[in-house]
Amino acid sequence: MRDPEEATDGPTDPRVHPEQSPGFDVDHAGLDDIEVSREDVTIGEATPRELAAADTSLIASESAREKIERLATGDAVERQRAALALAEEDHDPAIVEALITAGTGDDDADVRQFAVEALAKLGGERAGPAAVEIAEDDDPWVRAEAVVALDRIDREAYADRIEQALDADHHAVRRNALVSVFKRRGEDALDPLLDAADDESERVREWAVHLLAGVDDDRAREVLAETADDESEPRIVRGTAARALEADPGRFRRQFSGALDRGDTTLPGEDHLNRRPDL
């Protein structure tokens, strides 16, 4: 069984822990009887080739130069795969410049998103300014990834820019900023966490109450208790708050590694091609 006090990179993923999923062990009469409340869940269509875009093993044998060429001239799927594959190369100015060009100018949002993710992994003095620029992208999911990148590149140096994202107009951006702020400030992030616990997005509220598990303060416990008992909240938010109440704050902070490095750890419900919902 999962240790309820063990800090994780995020609220429980129902796919991994089905016993904690909404509707578990309930005999539903039909589909109409099942609660579905995720405000950003959409159902789309993708070809098998598009679904395999994150499979970088298909071009693993190519040279960095060939991947750069693919990033510049391939179709959208090829460019997506090339951007992800270039993240696995050693840092090289030519690679960084190719990723900056893709991250700031490609006409496919997924390519821009994967490019800024790759830039964060490669790092270097050009990566941070590029991520700041990409953080102004028209697509909210690209902006959310840029916050991830700024956190990874230099959380302290870009602290002000990340904190600005707490007031962003899209929940994924606010969520990523909130996680970064907690990683940097720990218990001192209480005020933004309390604000986020009242966010209009259930996804942000879910993360806010999860992170409040790491704050040893009566105000945090009061909000967690209220949320856990609030029948107007989705069950996953209430359940996350209830588990946070049972956690040891010090242990949570020591074990919490955050969830912003999606190259290594995806957020609950995510993979490289499942960016809607993005948490």
C-alpha atoms as a PDB file:
ATOM      1  CA  MET A   1       0.000   0.000   0.000  1.00  0.00           C
ATOM      2  CA  ARG A   2       1.091   3.539  -0.665  1.00  0.00           C
ATOM      3  CA  ASP A   3       2.355   5.439   2.357  1.00  0.00           C
ATOM      4  CA  PRO A   4      -0.165   8.291   2.796  1.00  0.00           C
ATOM      5  CA  GLU A   5       2.574  10.465   4.279  1.00  0.00           C
ATOM      6  CA  GLU A   6       4.976   9.930   1.431  1.00  0.00           C
ATOM      7  CA  ALA A   7       5.447  13.119  -0.547  1.00  0.00           C
ATOM      8  CA  THR A   8       5.117  12.710  -4.280  1.00  0.00           C
ATOM      9  CA  ASP A   9       5.580  14.855  -7.330  1.00  0.00           C
ATOM     10  CA  GLY A  10       1.873  15.543  -7.319  1.00  0.00           C
ATOM     11  CA  PRO A  11      -1.566  14.451  -6.290  1.00  0.00           C
ATOM     12  CA  THR A  12      -2.388  10.796  -6.717  1.00  0.00           C
ATOM     13  CA  ASP A  13      -2.595   9.640 -10.298  1.00  0.00           C
ATOM     14  CA  PRO A  14      -5.850   7.647 -10.484  1.00  0.00           C
ATOM     15  CA  ARG A  15      -4.378   5.458 -13.219  1.00  0.00           C
ATOM     16  CA  VAL A  16      -1.675   4.278 -10.827  1.00  0.00           C
ATOM     17  CA  HIS A  17      -3.813   4.079  -7.706  1.00  0.00           C
ATOM     18  CA  PRO A  18      -7.256   3.003  -8.946  1.00  0.00           C
ATOM     19  CA  GLU A  19      -8.529   2.423  -5.434  1.00  0.00           C
ATOM     20  CA  GLN A  20      -8.364   6.170  -4.922  1.00  0.00           C
ATOM     21  CA  SER A  21     -10.088   7.045  -8.180  1.00  0.00           C
ATOM     22  CA  PRO A  22     -13.513   8.701  -8.215  1.00  0.00           C
ATOM     23  CA  GLY A  23     -16.146   6.019  -8.516  1.00  0.00           C
ATOM     24  CA  PHE A  24     -13.920   3.137  -7.371  1.00  0.00           C
ATOM     25  CA  ASP A  25     -15.870   0.180  -6.006  1.00  0.00           C
ATOM     26  CA  VAL A  26     -19.186   1.800  -6.944  1.00  0.00           C
ATOM     27  CA  ASP A  27     -21.700  -0.095  -9.054  1.00  0.00           C
ATOM     28  CA  HIS A  28     -22.840   2.465 -11.618  1.00  0.00           C
ATOM     29  CA  ALA A  29     -26.030   1.815 -13.544  1.00  0.00           C
ATOM     30  CA  GLY A  30     -24.588   3.393 -16.683  1.00  0.00           C
ATOM     31  CA  LEU A  31     -22.271   6.029 -18.089  1.00  0.00           C
ATOM     32  CA  ASP A  32     -24.672   8.835 -17.181  1.00  0.00           C
ATOM     33  CA  ASP A  33     -24.226   7.920 -13.522  1.00  0.00           C
ATOM     34  CA  ILE A  34     -20.449   8.480 -13.529  1.00  0.00           C
ATOM     35  CA  GLU A  35     -19.116  11.865 -12.417  1.00  0.00           C
ATOM     36  CA  VAL A  36     -16.728  13.513 -14.852  1.00  0.00           C
ATOM     37  CA  SER A  37     -15.679  16.937 -13.631  1.00  0.00           C
ATOM     38  CA  ARG A  38     -12.264  17.735 -15.115  1.00  0.00           C
ATOM     39  CA  GLU A  39     -12.815  21.132 -16.675  1.00  0.00           C
ATOM     40  CA  ASP A  40     -10.016  20.795 -19.222  1.00  0.00           C
ATOM     41  CA  VAL A  41     -10.518  17.237 -20.425  1.00  0.00           C
ATOM     42  CA  THR A  42     -11.055  17.042 -24.143  1.00  0.00           C
ATOM     43  CA  ILE A  43     -11.287  14.128 -26.534  1.00  0.00           C
ATOM     44  CA  GLY A  44      -9.345  14.496 -29.750  1.00  0.00           C
ATOM     45  CA  GLU A  45      -8.150  12.428 -32.636  1.00  0.00           C
ATOM     46  CA  ALA A  46      -4.595  11.492 -33.546  1.00  0.00           C
ATOM     47  CA  THR A  47      -3.077   9.105 -36.032  1.00  0.00           C
ATOM     48  CA  PRO A  48      -0.771   6.311 -34.854  1.00  0.00           C
ATOM     49  CA  ARG A  49       2.117   8.247 -36.385  1.00  0.00           C
ATOM     50  CA  GLU A  50       1.231  11.362 -34.402  1.00  0.00           C
ATOM     51  CA  LEU A  51       0.927   9.320 -31.229  1.00  0.00           C
ATOM     52  CA  ALA A  52       4.432   7.965 -31.839  1.00  0.00           C
ATOM     53  CA  ALA A  53       6.015  11.403 -32.217  1.00  0.00           C
ATOM     54  CA  ALA A  54       7.642  11.121 -28.788  1.00  0.00           C
ATOM     55  CA  ASP A  55       9.438   7.913 -29.756  1.00  0.00           C
ATOM     56  CA  THR A  56      12.928   9.308 -30.192  1.00  0.00           C
ATOM     57  CA  SER A  57      14.375   5.814 -30.609  1.00  0.00           C
ATOM     58  CA  LEU A  58      13.292   6.027 -34.237  1.00  0.00           C
ATOM     59  CA  ILE A  59      16.001   8.621 -34.915  1.00  0.00           C
ATOM     60  CA  ALA A  60      18.457   7.739 -32.141  1.00  0.00           C
ATOM     61  CA  SER A  61      21.075   6.629 -34.651  1.00  0.00           C
ATOM     62  CA  GLU A  62      21.033   9.952 -36.501  1.00  0.00           C
ATOM     63  CA  SER A  63      23.724  12.520 -35.946  1.00  0.00           C
ATOM     64  CA  ALA A  64      22.977  15.794 -34.202  1.00  0.00           C
ATOM     65  CA  ARG A  65      23.306  17.549 -37.555  1.00  0.00           C
ATOM     66  CA  GLU A  66      20.674  15.257 -39.083  1.00  0.00           C
ATOM     67  CA  LYS A  67      18.311  15.919 -36.173  1.00  0.00           C
ATOM     68  CA  ILE A  68      18.811  19.662 -36.566  1.00  0.00           C
ATOM     69  CA  GLU A  69      17.962  19.328 -40.259  1.00  0.00           C
ATOM     70  CA  ARG A  70      14.870  17.314 -39.383  1.00  0.00           C
ATOM     71  CA  LEU A  71      13.849  20.010 -36.887  1.00  0.00           C
ATOM     72  CA  ALA A  72      14.186  22.660 -39.566  1.00  0.00           C
ATOM     73  CA  THR A  73      12.633  20.914 -42.574  1.00  0.00           C
ATOM     74  CA  GLY A  74      10.540  17.958 -41.434  1.00  0.00           C
ATOM     75  CA  ASP A  75       6.786  17.828 -41.059  1.00  0.00           C
ATOM     76  CA  ALA A  76       5.215  18.545 -37.667  1.00  0.00           C
ATOM     77  CA  VAL A  77       5.675  15.007 -36.327  1.00  0.00           C
ATOM     78  CA  GLU A  78       9.295  14.884 -37.467  1.00  0.00           C
ATOM     79  CA  ARG A  79       9.986  18.274 -35.927  1.00  0.00           C
ATOM     80  CA  GLN A  80       8.410  17.250 -32.630  1.00  0.00           C
ATOM     81  CA  ARG A  81      10.512  14.096 -32.501  1.00  0.00           C
ATOM     82  CA  ALA A  82      13.668  15.970 -33.456  1.00  0.00           C
ATOM     83  CA  ALA A  83      13.160  18.557 -30.719  1.00  0.00           C
ATOM     84  CA  LEU A  84      12.785  15.850 -28.088  1.00  0.00           C
ATOM     85  CA  ALA A  85      15.737  13.888 -29.471  1.00  0.00           C
ATOM     86  CA  LEU A  86      18.028  16.914 -29.433  1.00  0.00           C
ATOM     87  CA  ALA A  87      17.467  17.201 -25.691  1.00  0.00           C
ATOM     88  CA  GLU A  88      19.405  13.957 -25.373  1.00  0.00           C
ATOM     89  CA  GLU A  89      22.482  15.350 -27.119  1.00  0.00           C
ATOM     90  CA  ASP A  90      25.424  17.000 -25.408  1.00  0.00           C
ATOM     91  CA  HIS A  91      25.247  20.763 -25.129  1.00  0.00           C
ATOM     92  CA  ASP A  92      26.275  22.336 -28.397  1.00  0.00           C
ATOM     93  CA  PRO A  93      25.731  25.944 -29.544  1.00  0.00           C
ATOM     94  CA  ALA A  94      24.342  24.788 -32.901  1.00  0.00           C
ATOM     95  CA  ILE A  95      21.762  22.606 -31.185  1.00  0.00           C
ATOM     96  CA  VAL A  96      20.793  25.365 -28.789  1.00  0.00           C
ATOM     97  CA  GLU A  97      20.336  27.856 -31.607  1.00  0.00           C
ATOM     98  CA  ALA A  98      18.232  25.391 -33.599  1.00  0.00           C
ATOM     99  CA  LEU A  99      16.001  24.810 -30.578  1.00  0.00           C
ATOM    100  CA  ILE A 100      15.677  28.548 -29.924  1.00  0.00           C
ATOM    101  CA  THR A 101      14.618  29.060 -33.537  1.00  0.00           C
ATOM    102  CA  ALA A 102      12.019  26.306 -33.206  1.00  0.00           C
ATOM    103  CA  GLY A 103      10.845  27.404 -29.776  1.00  0.00           C
ATOM    104  CA  THR A 104      10.303  30.992 -30.800  1.00  0.00           C
ATOM    105  CA  GLY A 105       9.165  30.588 -34.388  1.00  0.00           C
ATOM    106  CA  ASP A 106       7.813  27.169 -35.320  1.00  0.00           C
ATOM    107  CA  ASP A 107       4.175  27.232 -36.439  1.00  0.00           C
ATOM    108  CA  ASP A 108       3.340  24.058 -34.484  1.00  0.00           C
ATOM    109  CA  ALA A 109       2.679  24.584 -30.767  1.00  0.00           C
ATOM    110  CA  ASP A 110       3.877  21.103 -29.810  1.00  0.00           C
ATOM    111  CA  VAL A 111       7.186  21.726 -31.545  1.00  0.00           C
ATOM    112  CA  ARG A 112       7.619  24.991 -29.639  1.00  0.00           C
ATOM    113  CA  GLN A 113       6.704  23.226 -26.408  1.00  0.00           C
ATOM    114  CA  PHE A 114       9.162  20.374 -26.944  1.00  0.00           C
ATOM    115  CA  ALA A 115      11.854  22.823 -28.034  1.00  0.00           C
ATOM    116  CA  VAL A 116      11.718  24.840 -24.819  1.00  0.00           C
ATOM    117  CA  GLU A 117      11.674  21.595 -22.843  1.00  0.00           C
ATOM    118  CA  ALA A 118      14.838  20.524 -24.653  1.00  0.00           C
ATOM    119  CA  LEU A 119      16.452  23.919 -24.079  1.00  0.00           C
ATOM    120  CA  ALA A 120      15.896  23.525 -20.350  1.00  0.00           C
ATOM    121  CA  LYS A 121      17.699  20.197 -20.385  1.00  0.00           C
ATOM    122  CA  LEU A 122      20.659  21.480 -22.372  1.00  0.00           C
ATOM    123  CA  GLY A 123      20.950  24.726 -20.407  1.00  0.00           C
ATOM    124  CA  GLY A 124      23.587  27.332 -21.067  1.00  0.00           C
ATOM    125  CA  GLU A 125      23.479  31.121 -21.055  1.00  0.00           C
ATOM    126  CA  ARG A 126      21.214  31.331 -24.108  1.00  0.00           C
ATOM    127  CA  ALA A 127      18.559  28.973 -22.747  1.00  0.00           C
ATOM    128  CA  GLY A 128      17.180  31.229 -20.016  1.00  0.00           C
ATOM    129  CA  PRO A 129      16.548  34.345 -22.120  1.00  0.00           C
ATOM    130  CA  ALA A 130      14.971  32.167 -24.805  1.00  0.00           C
ATOM    131  CA  ALA A 131      12.651  30.565 -22.250  1.00  0.00           C
ATOM    132  CA  VAL A 132      11.636  34.031 -21.023  1.00  0.00           C
ATOM    133  CA  GLU A 133      10.716  34.948 -24.596  1.00  0.00           C
ATOM    134  CA  ILE A 134       8.818  31.700 -25.122  1.00  0.00           C
ATOM    135  CA  ALA A 135       6.955  32.359 -21.866  1.00  0.00           C
ATOM    136  CA  GLU A 136       5.042  35.015 -23.840  1.00  0.00           C
ATOM    137  CA  ASP A 137       3.891  32.516 -26.488  1.00  0.00           C
ATOM    138  CA  ASP A 138       0.312  32.711 -27.775  1.00  0.00           C
ATOM    139  CA  ASP A 139      -0.332  29.092 -26.773  1.00  0.00           C
ATOM    140  CA  PRO A 140      -0.936  28.573 -23.022  1.00  0.00           C
ATOM    141  CA  TRP A 141       0.575  25.094 -23.006  1.00  0.00           C
ATOM    142  CA  VAL A 142       3.793  26.451 -24.481  1.00  0.00           C
ATOM    143  CA  ARG A 143       3.800  29.189 -21.833  1.00  0.00           C
ATOM    144  CA  ALA A 144       3.285  26.564 -19.134  1.00  0.00           C
ATOM    145  CA  GLU A 145       6.267  24.603 -20.464  1.00  0.00           C
ATOM    146  CA  ALA A 146       8.360  27.766 -20.471  1.00  0.00           C
ATOM    147  CA  VAL A 147       7.716  28.146 -16.736  1.00  0.00           C
ATOM    148  CA  VAL A 148       8.934  24.572 -16.355  1.00  0.00           C
ATOM    149  CA  ALA A 149      12.042  25.511 -18.292  1.00  0.00           C
ATOM    150  CA  LEU A 150      12.772  28.610 -16.225  1.00  0.00           C
ATOM    151  CA  ASP A 151      12.438  26.562 -13.056  1.00  0.00           C
ATOM    152  CA  ARG A 152      14.916  24.004 -14.324  1.00  0.00           C
ATOM    153  CA  ILE A 153      17.379  26.438 -15.849  1.00  0.00           C
ATOM    154  CA  ASP A 154      17.691  28.657 -12.778  1.00  0.00           C
ATOM    155  CA  ARG A 155      14.803  28.823 -10.331  1.00  0.00           C
ATOM    156  CA  GLU A 156      16.426  31.567  -8.277  1.00  0.00           C
ATOM    157  CA  ALA A 157      17.521  33.777 -11.157  1.00  0.00           C
ATOM    158  CA  TYR A 158      14.057  33.699 -12.742  1.00  0.00           C
ATOM    159  CA  ALA A 159      12.090  33.786  -9.494  1.00  0.00           C
ATOM    160  CA  ASP A 160      10.417  37.110 -10.279  1.00  0.00           C
ATOM    161  CA  ARG A 161       9.311  35.987 -13.736  1.00  0.00           C
ATOM    162  CA  ILE A 162       7.993  32.714 -12.343  1.00  0.00           C
ATOM    163  CA  GLU A 163       6.064  34.471  -9.578  1.00  0.00           C
ATOM    164  CA  GLN A 164       4.450  36.736 -12.168  1.00  0.00           C
ATOM    165  CA  ALA A 165       3.023  33.574 -13.704  1.00  0.00           C
ATOM    166  CA  LEU A 166       1.008  32.942 -10.539  1.00  0.00           C
ATOM    167  CA  ASP A 167      -1.463  35.470 -11.980  1.00  0.00           C
ATOM    168  CA  ALA A 168      -1.466  34.045 -15.510  1.00  0.00           C
ATOM    169  CA  ASP A 169      -4.720  33.665 -17.402  1.00  0.00           C
ATOM    170  CA  HIS A 170      -4.372  29.891 -17.830  1.00  0.00           C
ATOM    171  CA  HIS A 171      -4.492  27.287 -15.092  1.00  0.00           C
ATOM    172  CA  ALA A 172      -1.550  25.237 -16.382  1.00  0.00           C
ATOM    173  CA  VAL A 173       0.737  28.265 -16.232  1.00  0.00           C
ATOM    174  CA  ARG A 174      -0.458  29.155 -12.722  1.00  0.00           C
ATOM    175  CA  ARG A 175      -0.042  25.576 -11.578  1.00  0.00           C
ATOM    176  CA  ASN A 176       3.523  25.256 -12.847  1.00  0.00           C
ATOM    177  CA  ALA A 177       4.441  28.575 -11.267  1.00  0.00           C
ATOM    178  CA  LEU A 178       2.933  27.493  -7.956  1.00  0.00           C
ATOM    179  CA  VAL A 179       4.990  24.308  -7.848  1.00  0.00           C
ATOM    180  CA  SER A 180       8.157  26.248  -8.626  1.00  0.00           C
ATOM    181  CA  VAL A 181       7.421  28.813  -5.925  1.00  0.00           C
ATOM    182  CA  PHE A 182       6.916  26.058  -3.350  1.00  0.00           C
ATOM    183  CA  LYS A 183      10.128  24.340  -4.416  1.00  0.00           C
ATOM    184  CA  ARG A 184      12.016  27.601  -3.904  1.00  0.00           C
ATOM    185  CA  ARG A 185      10.282  29.063  -0.845  1.00  0.00           C
ATOM    186  CA  GLY A 186       8.995  26.045   1.063  1.00  0.00           C
ATOM    187  CA  GLU A 187       6.850  27.093   4.028  1.00  0.00           C
ATOM    188  CA  ASP A 188       7.316  30.729   3.052  1.00  0.00           C
ATOM    189  CA  ALA A 189       5.049  30.013   0.082  1.00  0.00           C
ATOM    190  CA  LEU A 190       2.042  29.816   2.405  1.00  0.00           C
ATOM    191  CA  ASP A 191       0.325  32.974   1.149  1.00  0.00           C
ATOM    192  CA  PRO A 192       0.394  32.085  -2.565  1.00  0.00           C
ATOM    193  CA  LEU A 193      -0.655  28.541  -1.686  1.00  0.00           C
ATOM    194  CA  LEU A 194      -3.640  29.827   0.281  1.00  0.00           C
ATOM    195  CA  ASP A 195      -4.569  32.085  -2.621  1.00  0.00           C
ATOM    196  CA  ALA A 196      -4.301  29.175  -5.036  1.00  0.00           C
ATOM    197  CA  ALA A 197      -6.507  27.004  -2.823  1.00  0.00           C
ATOM    198  CA  ASP A 198      -9.302  29.367  -3.864  1.00  0.00           C
ATOM    199  CA  ASP A 199      -8.351  29.375  -7.564  1.00  0.00           C
ATOM    200  CA  GLU A 200     -11.109  29.123 -10.140  1.00  0.00           C
ATOM    201  CA  SER A 201      -9.457  26.013 -11.587  1.00  0.00           C
ATOM    202  CA  GLU A 202      -9.862  22.726  -9.766  1.00  0.00           C
ATOM    203  CA  ARG A 203      -6.504  21.619 -11.131  1.00  0.00           C
ATOM    204  CA  VAL A 204      -4.757  24.529  -9.420  1.00  0.00           C
ATOM    205  CA  ARG A 205      -6.747  23.965  -6.222  1.00  0.00           C
ATOM    206  CA  GLU A 206      -5.747  20.313  -6.262  1.00  0.00           C
ATOM    207  CA  TRP A 207      -2.072  21.213  -6.417  1.00  0.00           C
ATOM    208  CA  ALA A 208      -2.447  23.979  -3.854  1.00  0.00           C
ATOM    209  CA  VAL A 209      -3.868  21.655  -1.212  1.00  0.00           C
ATOM    210  CA  HIS A 210      -1.303  19.018  -2.108  1.00  0.00           C
ATOM    211  CA  LEU A 211       1.533  21.478  -1.519  1.00  0.00           C
ATOM    212  CA  LEU A 212      -0.037  22.775   1.696  1.00  0.00           C
ATOM    213  CA  ALA A 213       0.894  19.392   3.123  1.00  0.00           C
ATOM    214  CA  GLY A 214       4.408  20.818   3.424  1.00  0.00           C
ATOM    215  CA  VAL A 215       3.403  23.838   5.510  1.00  0.00           C
ATOM    216  CA  ASP A 216       3.239  23.494   9.289  1.00  0.00           C
ATOM    217  CA  ASP A 217       0.780  26.288   9.971  1.00  0.00           C
ATOM    218  CA  ASP A 218      -2.717  26.446  11.444  1.00  0.00           C
ATOM    219  CA  ARG A 219      -3.948  28.439   8.444  1.00  0.00           C
ATOM    220  CA  ALA A 220      -2.835  25.667   6.119  1.00  0.00           C
ATOM    221  CA  ARG A 221      -4.534  23.008   8.222  1.00  0.00           C
ATOM    222  CA  GLU A 222      -7.728  25.059   8.410  1.00  0.00           C
ATOM    223  CA  VAL A 223      -7.924  25.396   4.634  1.00  0.00           C
ATOM    224  CA  LEU A 224      -7.155  21.715   4.166  1.00  0.00           C
ATOM    225  CA  ALA A 225      -9.886  20.709   6.601  1.00  0.00           C
ATOM    226  CA  GLU A 226     -12.409  23.034   4.956  1.00  0.00           C
ATOM    227  CA  THR A 227     -11.538  21.727   1.509  1.00  0.00           C
ATOM    228  CA  ALA A 228     -11.701  18.093   2.579  1.00  0.00           C
ATOM    229  CA  ASP A 229     -15.235  18.679   3.918  1.00  0.00           C
ATOM    230  CA  ASP A 230     -16.460  20.858   1.061  1.00  0.00           C
ATOM    231  CA  GLU A 231     -19.050  18.863  -0.852  1.00  0.00           C
ATOM    232  CA  SER A 232     -18.951  21.406  -3.676  1.00  0.00           C
ATOM    233  CA  GLU A 233     -15.354  20.439  -4.459  1.00  0.00           C
ATOM    234  CA  PRO A 234     -14.595  17.586  -6.871  1.00  0.00           C
ATOM    235  CA  ARG A 235     -13.775  14.395  -5.048  1.00  0.00           C
ATOM    236  CA  ILE A 236     -10.163  14.377  -6.226  1.00  0.00           C
ATOM    237  CA  VAL A 237      -9.596  17.811  -4.668  1.00  0.00           C
ATOM    238  CA  ARG A 238     -11.278  16.777  -1.404  1.00  0.00           C
ATOM    239  CA  GLY A 239      -9.276  13.552  -1.308  1.00  0.00           C
ATOM    240  CA  THR A 240      -6.005  15.360  -1.947  1.00  0.00           C
ATOM    241  CA  ALA A 241      -6.776  17.769   0.898  1.00  0.00           C
ATOM    242  CA  ALA A 242      -7.609  14.908   3.249  1.00  0.00           C
ATOM    243  CA  ARG A 243      -4.325  13.142   2.477  1.00  0.00           C
ATOM    244  CA  ALA A 244      -2.426  16.408   2.916  1.00  0.00           C
ATOM    245  CA  LEU A 245      -3.868  16.752   6.411  1.00  0.00           C
ATOM    246  CA  GLU A 246      -2.396  13.375   7.336  1.00  0.00           C
ATOM    247  CA  ALA A 247       1.079  14.186   6.028  1.00  0.00           C
ATOM    248  CA  ASP A 248       4.040  15.289   8.118  1.00  0.00           C
ATOM    249  CA  PRO A 249       5.032  18.732   6.785  1.00  0.00           C
ATOM    250  CA  GLY A 250       8.733  18.333   7.410  1.00  0.00           C
ATOM    251  CA  ARG A 251       8.854  14.942   5.803  1.00  0.00           C
ATOM    252  CA  PHE A 252       6.840  16.225   2.853  1.00  0.00           C
ATOM    253  CA  ARG A 253       9.283  19.072   2.228  1.00  0.00           C
ATOM    254  CA  ARG A 254      12.291  16.797   2.513  1.00  0.00           C
ATOM    255  CA  GLN A 255      10.892  14.318   0.032  1.00  0.00           C
ATOM    256  CA  PHE A 256       9.211  16.692  -2.363  1.00  0.00           C
ATOM    257  CA  SER A 257      11.202  16.995  -5.553  1.00  0.00           C
ATOM    258  CA  GLY A 258       8.610  18.899  -7.508  1.00  0.00           C
ATOM    259  CA  ALA A 259       7.041  18.053 -10.827  1.00  0.00           C
ATOM    260  CA  LEU A 260       8.430  20.555 -13.237  1.00  0.00           C
ATOM    261  CA  ASP A 261      11.007  18.427 -14.982  1.00  0.00           C
ATOM    262  CA  ARG A 262       8.694  16.671 -17.392  1.00  0.00           C
ATOM    263  CA  GLY A 263      11.594  15.180 -19.265  1.00  0.00           C
ATOM    264  CA  ASP A 264      12.087  12.870 -16.329  1.00  0.00           C
ATOM    265  CA  THR A 265       8.735  12.880 -14.540  1.00  0.00           C
ATOM    266  CA  THR A 266       5.421  13.692 -16.136  1.00  0.00           C
ATOM    267  CA  LEU A 267       2.582  15.188 -14.182  1.00  0.00           C
ATOM    268  CA  PRO A 268      -0.438  13.074 -13.277  1.00  0.00           C
ATOM    269  CA  GLY A 269      -2.289  12.044 -16.402  1.00  0.00           C
ATOM    270  CA  GLU A 270       0.417  13.337 -18.734  1.00  0.00           C
ATOM    271  CA  ASP A 271       2.902  12.143 -21.261  1.00  0.00           C
ATOM    272  CA  HIS A 272       4.754  14.011 -23.982  1.00  0.00           C
ATOM    273  CA  LEU A 273       1.757  13.926 -26.301  1.00  0.00           C
ATOM    274  CA  ASN A 274      -1.013  14.268 -23.740  1.00  0.00           C
ATOM    275  CA  ARG A 275      -0.840  17.956 -23.007  1.00  0.00           C
ATOM    276  CA  ARG A 276      -4.605  18.480 -22.748  1.00  0.00           C
ATOM    277  CA  PRO A 277      -5.309  17.978 -19.895  1.00  0.00           C
ATOM    278  CA  ASP A 278      -1.896  19.170 -18.733  1.00  0.00           C
ATOM    279  CA  LEU A 279      -2.704  18.419 -15.135  1.00  0.00           C
END
